[in-house]
Amino acid sequence: MGNSSCRYVVNAVGKGGETYLTHCKDKQALNKWIGDNQEKIIIDEIRIVDKKRHPIFKWFSNVLSNK
């Protein structure tokens, strides 16, 4: 989990109640994983965290999502 070469952390809920947790190194790998698993996951229940995102943008996202 402490792999510094991954940028995106994906947490998704499957249609059967499964929980998926994966790491992707770039946007292409992220899009490929979503495309490969779109039949298994609920798209509305997917959470993607960009580990290299600037902290001020993270704060704005949290503030706006709490409203």
Protein backbone atom coordinates (compact mmCIF):
# COMPACT_ATOMS: atom_id res chain seq x y z
CA MET A 1 0.00 0.00 0.00
CA GLY A 2 2.94 2.33 0.50
CA ASN A 3 3.90 2.09 -3.16
CA SER A 4 4.97 5.59 -4.21
CA SER A 5 4.74 4.78 -7.94
CA CYS A 6 0.95 4.71 -7.93
CA ARG A 7 -1.00 7.92 -8.33
CA TYR A 8 -4.65 6.89 -8.12
CA VAL A 9 -6.31 4.82 -5.41
CA VAL A 10 -9.61 3.30 -6.50
CA ASN A 11 -12.25 2.08 -4.07
CA ALA A 12 -15.37 0.63 -5.69
CA VAL A 13 -18.43 -1.37 -4.67
CA GLY A 14 -19.40 -4.37 -6.74
CA LYS A 15 -22.90 -5.29 -7.83
CA GLY A 16 -22.81 -8.29 -5.49
CA GLY A 17 -21.65 -6.20 -2.51
CA GLU A 18 -17.94 -6.82 -3.06
CA THR A 19 -15.39 -4.14 -2.26
CA TYR A 20 -12.63 -3.43 -4.77
CA LEU A 21 -9.45 -1.59 -3.84
CA THR A 22 -6.72 -1.05 -6.40
CA HIS A 23 -3.91 1.33 -7.29
CA CYS A 24 -3.19 2.76 -10.74
CA LYS A 25 0.00 4.50 -11.81
CA ASP A 26 -1.57 6.83 -14.39
CA LYS A 27 -4.85 7.89 -15.97
CA GLN A 28 -4.58 5.35 -18.79
CA ALA A 29 -4.24 2.49 -16.29
CA LEU A 30 -7.17 3.92 -14.32
CA ASN A 31 -9.40 4.08 -17.41
CA LYS A 32 -8.35 0.54 -18.41
CA TRP A 33 -9.21 -0.84 -14.95
CA ILE A 34 -12.63 0.86 -14.98
CA GLY A 35 -13.30 -0.40 -18.52
CA ASP A 36 -12.27 -3.95 -17.64
CA ASN A 37 -14.42 -4.00 -14.50
CA GLN A 38 -17.43 -1.87 -15.46
CA GLU A 39 -19.69 -4.95 -15.62
CA LYS A 40 -18.77 -5.87 -12.02
CA ILE A 41 -18.88 -2.48 -10.29
CA ILE A 42 -21.51 0.14 -9.54
CA ILE A 43 -20.21 3.23 -11.32
CA ASP A 44 -22.02 5.60 -8.91
CA GLU A 45 -20.23 3.96 -5.96
CA ILE A 46 -16.66 4.39 -7.22
CA ARG A 47 -14.24 6.67 -5.32
CA ILE A 48 -10.96 7.74 -6.91
CA VAL A 49 -8.27 9.50 -4.90
CA ASP A 50 -5.48 11.32 -6.71
CA LYS A 51 -2.50 11.13 -4.35
CA LYS A 52 -0.63 13.90 -6.19
CA ARG A 53 -3.48 16.41 -6.12
CA HIS A 54 -2.70 19.73 -4.50
CA PRO A 55 -4.02 19.92 -0.89
CA ILE A 56 -6.04 23.10 -1.52
CA PHE A 57 -8.08 21.29 -4.19
CA LYS A 58 -8.69 18.40 -1.80
CA TRP A 59 -10.01 20.86 0.77
CA PHE A 60 -12.35 22.52 -1.76
CA SER A 61 -13.65 19.11 -2.84
CA ASN A 62 -14.45 18.18 0.76
CA VAL A 63 -16.16 21.49 1.45
CA LEU A 64 -18.30 21.31 -1.69
CA SER A 65 -19.27 17.64 -1.20
CA ASN A 66 -20.49 18.30 2.37
CA LYS A 67 -23.13 20.79 1.19
